[in-house]
Amino acid sequence: MTIDTTNLCSHLQKKLFEHEGVYYPIWQTMQNDEELTAVVRSRQLHIYRNGKKILILAGKAQPKIIREDKLNELIIIT
């Protein structure tokens, strides 16, 4: 999966793409799950499973869980 990081918050990029980032396990799972898609909106990452929004990740704000999903278990809240 590739996403356009042009408008993605720099804090979120670090959390998502760096090995030490708290969202890195989510990024790894997204690479291997064909049911998941993601779109950058308002500097946040909106994640969908089969077209239904399940999660919103932001750089400085807490993640917003929209629907129960196994991906949510990978969120590490600090």
Protein backbone atom coordinates (compact mmCIF):
# COMPACT_ATOMS: atom_id res chain seq x y z
CA MET A 1 0.00 0.00 0.00
CA THR A 2 1.23 3.46 -0.80
CA ILE A 3 -0.22 6.75 0.38
CA ASP A 4 0.47 10.33 -0.60
CA THR A 5 2.39 11.76 2.34
CA THR A 6 2.49 15.30 0.92
CA ASN A 7 -0.28 16.53 3.21
CA LEU A 8 0.34 14.12 6.09
CA CYS A 9 1.28 15.70 9.43
CA SER A 10 5.03 15.34 10.12
CA HIS A 11 4.33 14.02 13.64
CA LEU A 12 2.06 11.35 12.19
CA GLN A 13 4.67 10.41 9.58
CA LYS A 14 7.18 9.73 12.37
CA LYS A 15 4.68 7.70 14.39
CA LEU A 16 3.58 5.69 11.35
CA PHE A 17 6.71 5.07 9.28
CA GLU A 18 9.61 4.91 11.77
CA HIS A 19 10.35 1.55 13.41
CA GLU A 20 10.08 3.11 16.88
CA GLY A 21 6.77 4.84 16.06
CA VAL A 22 3.67 3.93 18.05
CA TYR A 23 1.63 3.39 14.84
CA TYR A 24 4.32 1.42 13.02
CA PRO A 25 2.61 -1.97 13.78
CA ILE A 26 -0.55 -0.58 12.16
CA TRP A 27 1.42 0.42 9.05
CA GLN A 28 2.95 -3.06 8.84
CA THR A 29 -0.47 -4.70 9.12
CA MET A 30 -1.88 -2.39 6.45
CA GLN A 31 0.82 -3.58 4.03
CA ASN A 32 -0.41 -7.17 4.26
CA ASP A 33 -4.18 -6.70 4.48
CA GLU A 34 -5.88 -6.16 1.12
CA GLU A 35 -9.20 -5.22 2.77
CA LEU A 36 -7.64 -2.03 4.18
CA THR A 37 -7.35 1.28 2.36
CA ALA A 38 -6.21 4.67 3.62
CA VAL A 39 -6.68 8.30 2.60
CA VAL A 40 -5.01 11.46 3.88
CA ARG A 41 -7.54 14.13 4.85
CA SER A 42 -6.84 17.27 6.88
CA ARG A 43 -3.30 16.02 7.64
CA GLN A 44 -4.77 12.88 9.26
CA LEU A 45 -4.85 9.28 8.03
CA HIS A 46 -8.34 7.84 7.59
CA ILE A 47 -8.29 4.04 7.45
CA TYR A 48 -11.07 1.96 5.88
CA ARG A 49 -11.88 -1.75 5.80
CA ASN A 50 -14.00 -2.80 2.83
CA GLY A 51 -15.04 0.83 2.26
CA LYS A 52 -16.16 1.49 5.85
CA LYS A 53 -14.14 3.89 8.00
CA ILE A 54 -12.68 2.20 11.07
CA LEU A 55 -9.95 4.52 12.37
CA ILE A 56 -8.50 8.03 12.15
CA LEU A 57 -4.86 8.60 13.08
CA ALA A 58 -3.53 12.08 13.83
CA GLY A 59 -0.07 13.34 14.71
CA LYS A 60 -0.65 14.97 18.07
CA ALA A 61 -4.28 14.04 18.86
CA GLN A 62 -5.43 10.66 20.17
CA PRO A 63 -6.56 8.13 17.54
CA LYS A 64 -10.30 8.09 16.85
CA ILE A 65 -11.82 4.63 16.73
CA ILE A 66 -14.87 4.72 14.47
CA ARG A 67 -15.72 1.00 14.31
CA GLU A 68 -14.53 -2.03 16.22
CA ASP A 69 -11.83 -3.78 14.23
CA LYS A 70 -8.86 -6.04 14.87
CA LEU A 71 -6.59 -3.20 13.68
CA ASN A 72 -7.60 -1.18 16.75
CA GLU A 73 -5.84 -3.70 18.99
CA LEU A 74 -2.50 -2.48 17.60
CA ILE A 75 -2.96 1.05 18.94
CA ILE A 76 -0.52 1.87 21.72
CA ILE A 77 -1.85 4.83 23.70
CA THR A 78 0.88 6.69 25.53
